[in-house]
Amino acid sequence: MSEIQDWFETMTGRFNSAAAAGLDAVFQYKLDEGDAYYASVSGGECVLGKGEHNSPSVVLMMDSQTFKEVLDGETNGMQAFMAGRIRADGDIMLATRLEALFPAS
């Protein structure tokens, strides 16, 4: 199992189902290094998938260091986006919910 996969499993392990009320979305992650992953959120549950989803709601692109920093709470995702460290395609307003859906430890 790769370190990057471990990071995604850590993220989905922190899933806050209360913050997902009424949400039906797919968050596609494309890291500059490693495989693509997605988190599918529906019915108050989150499922992690490897690869590219057929119809993601939002695609988030970044390097692995930025992903790790956001995951660890060292970097705010919105600030990283504003600084150009995270690029997004699709419904970028969904990305604003990530901090509540997957809170840092």
C-alpha atoms as a PDB file:
ATOM      1  CA  MET A   1       0.000   0.000   0.000  1.00  0.00           C
ATOM      2  CA  SER A   2       1.381   3.396  -0.954  1.00  0.00           C
ATOM      3  CA  GLU A   3       1.876   6.288   1.401  1.00  0.00           C
ATOM      4  CA  ILE A   4      -0.523   8.377  -0.699  1.00  0.00           C
ATOM      5  CA  GLN A   5      -3.233   5.714  -0.387  1.00  0.00           C
ATOM      6  CA  ASP A   6      -2.662   5.750   3.387  1.00  0.00           C
ATOM      7  CA  TRP A   7      -3.264   9.513   3.372  1.00  0.00           C
ATOM      8  CA  PHE A   8      -6.566   9.113   1.536  1.00  0.00           C
ATOM      9  CA  GLU A   9      -7.670   6.377   3.923  1.00  0.00           C
ATOM     10  CA  THR A  10      -6.791   8.656   6.841  1.00  0.00           C
ATOM     11  CA  MET A  11      -8.871  11.429   5.272  1.00  0.00           C
ATOM     12  CA  THR A  12     -11.940   9.246   4.726  1.00  0.00           C
ATOM     13  CA  GLY A  13     -11.499   7.793   8.224  1.00  0.00           C
ATOM     14  CA  ARG A  14     -12.134  11.310   9.562  1.00  0.00           C
ATOM     15  CA  PHE A  15     -15.358  11.670   7.605  1.00  0.00           C
ATOM     16  CA  ASN A  16     -17.956  13.717   9.480  1.00  0.00           C
ATOM     17  CA  SER A  17     -21.335  12.316   8.426  1.00  0.00           C
ATOM     18  CA  ALA A  18     -23.206  15.133  10.192  1.00  0.00           C
ATOM     19  CA  ALA A  19     -21.560  17.666   7.855  1.00  0.00           C
ATOM     20  CA  ALA A  20     -22.690  15.616   4.845  1.00  0.00           C
ATOM     21  CA  ALA A  21     -26.424  15.919   5.462  1.00  0.00           C
ATOM     22  CA  GLY A  22     -28.171  16.242   2.105  1.00  0.00           C
ATOM     23  CA  LEU A  23     -24.913  16.124   0.149  1.00  0.00           C
ATOM     24  CA  ASP A  24     -24.467  13.940  -2.919  1.00  0.00           C
ATOM     25  CA  ALA A  25     -21.071  14.682  -4.456  1.00  0.00           C
ATOM     26  CA  VAL A  26     -17.865  13.158  -5.759  1.00  0.00           C
ATOM     27  CA  PHE A  27     -14.563  14.815  -4.891  1.00  0.00           C
ATOM     28  CA  GLN A  28     -11.915  13.752  -7.405  1.00  0.00           C
ATOM     29  CA  TYR A  29      -8.294  14.201  -6.361  1.00  0.00           C
ATOM     30  CA  LYS A  30      -5.485  14.266  -8.889  1.00  0.00           C
ATOM     31  CA  LEU A  31      -2.093  14.571  -7.277  1.00  0.00           C
ATOM     32  CA  ASP A  32       0.883  15.515  -9.425  1.00  0.00           C
ATOM     33  CA  GLU A  33       2.578  12.364  -8.119  1.00  0.00           C
ATOM     34  CA  GLY A  34       0.825   9.017  -7.715  1.00  0.00           C
ATOM     35  CA  ASP A  35      -2.593   7.660  -8.545  1.00  0.00           C
ATOM     36  CA  ALA A  36      -5.893   9.527  -8.672  1.00  0.00           C
ATOM     37  CA  TYR A  37      -8.461   8.931  -5.926  1.00  0.00           C
ATOM     38  CA  TYR A  38     -11.986  10.087  -5.295  1.00  0.00           C
ATOM     39  CA  ALA A  39     -14.264  10.376  -2.288  1.00  0.00           C
ATOM     40  CA  SER A  40     -17.912   9.736  -3.062  1.00  0.00           C
ATOM     41  CA  VAL A  41     -20.241  11.286  -0.485  1.00  0.00           C
ATOM     42  CA  SER A  42     -23.913  10.277  -0.511  1.00  0.00           C
ATOM     43  CA  GLY A  43     -26.555   9.434   2.058  1.00  0.00           C
ATOM     44  CA  GLY A  44     -24.299  10.520   4.917  1.00  0.00           C
ATOM     45  CA  GLU A  45     -21.622   8.001   3.914  1.00  0.00           C
ATOM     46  CA  CYS A  46     -18.238   8.320   2.254  1.00  0.00           C
ATOM     47  CA  VAL A  47     -16.630   5.751  -0.020  1.00  0.00           C
ATOM     48  CA  LEU A  48     -13.027   6.026  -1.193  1.00  0.00           C
ATOM     49  CA  GLY A  49     -12.249   4.945  -4.749  1.00  0.00           C
ATOM     50  CA  LYS A  50      -8.991   4.625  -6.642  1.00  0.00           C
ATOM     51  CA  GLY A  51      -8.731   6.016 -10.157  1.00  0.00           C
ATOM     52  CA  GLU A  52     -10.849   8.547 -11.976  1.00  0.00           C
ATOM     53  CA  HIS A  53     -14.591   8.748 -11.385  1.00  0.00           C
ATOM     54  CA  ASN A  54     -16.836   8.961 -14.475  1.00  0.00           C
ATOM     55  CA  SER A  55     -18.657  12.095 -13.329  1.00  0.00           C
ATOM     56  CA  PRO A  56     -16.965  13.928 -10.451  1.00  0.00           C
ATOM     57  CA  SER A  57     -18.664  16.966  -8.967  1.00  0.00           C
ATOM     58  CA  VAL A  58     -15.339  18.734  -8.487  1.00  0.00           C
ATOM     59  CA  VAL A  59     -11.779  17.857  -9.456  1.00  0.00           C
ATOM     60  CA  LEU A  60      -9.006  19.016  -7.147  1.00  0.00           C
ATOM     61  CA  MET A  61      -5.448  19.041  -8.494  1.00  0.00           C
ATOM     62  CA  MET A  62      -2.361  19.603  -6.353  1.00  0.00           C
ATOM     63  CA  ASP A  63       0.995  18.144  -5.464  1.00  0.00           C
ATOM     64  CA  SER A  64       1.252  15.502  -2.773  1.00  0.00           C
ATOM     65  CA  GLN A  65       2.977  17.871  -0.331  1.00  0.00           C
ATOM     66  CA  THR A  66       0.041  20.303  -0.468  1.00  0.00           C
ATOM     67  CA  PHE A  67      -2.439  17.441   0.048  1.00  0.00           C
ATOM     68  CA  LYS A  68      -0.482  16.204   3.078  1.00  0.00           C
ATOM     69  CA  GLU A  69      -0.274  19.707   4.580  1.00  0.00           C
ATOM     70  CA  VAL A  70      -4.033  20.253   4.198  1.00  0.00           C
ATOM     71  CA  LEU A  71      -4.752  16.776   5.574  1.00  0.00           C
ATOM     72  CA  ASP A  72      -2.564  17.440   8.633  1.00  0.00           C
ATOM     73  CA  GLY A  73      -4.120  20.862   9.220  1.00  0.00           C
ATOM     74  CA  GLU A  74      -0.797  22.635   8.564  1.00  0.00           C
ATOM     75  CA  THR A  75      -2.256  24.490   5.575  1.00  0.00           C
ATOM     76  CA  ASN A  76      -5.766  25.828   5.075  1.00  0.00           C
ATOM     77  CA  GLY A  77      -7.248  24.428   1.863  1.00  0.00           C
ATOM     78  CA  MET A  78      -8.891  27.711   0.870  1.00  0.00           C
ATOM     79  CA  GLN A  79      -5.652  29.618   1.367  1.00  0.00           C
ATOM     80  CA  ALA A  80      -3.784  26.997  -0.692  1.00  0.00           C
ATOM     81  CA  PHE A  81      -6.396  27.419  -3.434  1.00  0.00           C
ATOM     82  CA  MET A  82      -6.075  31.213  -3.391  1.00  0.00           C
ATOM     83  CA  ALA A  83      -2.271  30.870  -3.570  1.00  0.00           C
ATOM     84  CA  GLY A  84      -2.562  28.628  -6.634  1.00  0.00           C
ATOM     85  CA  ARG A  85      -1.309  25.503  -4.854  1.00  0.00           C
ATOM     86  CA  ILE A  86      -4.674  23.791  -5.412  1.00  0.00           C
ATOM     87  CA  ARG A  87      -6.447  23.974  -8.749  1.00  0.00           C
ATOM     88  CA  ALA A  88     -10.112  23.072  -9.105  1.00  0.00           C
ATOM     89  CA  ASP A  89     -12.464  22.230 -11.932  1.00  0.00           C
ATOM     90  CA  GLY A  90     -16.223  21.764 -11.646  1.00  0.00           C
ATOM     91  CA  ASP A  91     -18.349  22.875  -8.693  1.00  0.00           C
ATOM     92  CA  ILE A  92     -15.623  24.627  -6.759  1.00  0.00           C
ATOM     93  CA  MET A  93     -18.098  25.728  -4.074  1.00  0.00           C
ATOM     94  CA  LEU A  94     -18.184  22.087  -2.943  1.00  0.00           C
ATOM     95  CA  ALA A  95     -14.517  22.379  -2.067  1.00  0.00           C
ATOM     96  CA  THR A  96     -15.433  24.884   0.642  1.00  0.00           C
ATOM     97  CA  ARG A  97     -17.193  22.026   2.495  1.00  0.00           C
ATOM     98  CA  LEU A  98     -14.124  19.780   2.641  1.00  0.00           C
ATOM     99  CA  GLU A  99     -12.814  21.144   5.953  1.00  0.00           C
ATOM    100  CA  ALA A 100     -16.117  20.286   7.675  1.00  0.00           C
ATOM    101  CA  LEU A 101     -16.479  16.925   5.880  1.00  0.00           C
ATOM    102  CA  PHE A 102     -12.938  15.742   6.624  1.00  0.00           C
ATOM    103  CA  PRO A 103     -11.705  17.684   9.674  1.00  0.00           C
ATOM    104  CA  ALA A 104      -7.990  17.577  10.479  1.00  0.00           C
ATOM    105  CA  SER A 105      -7.087  15.730  13.638  1.00  0.00           C
END
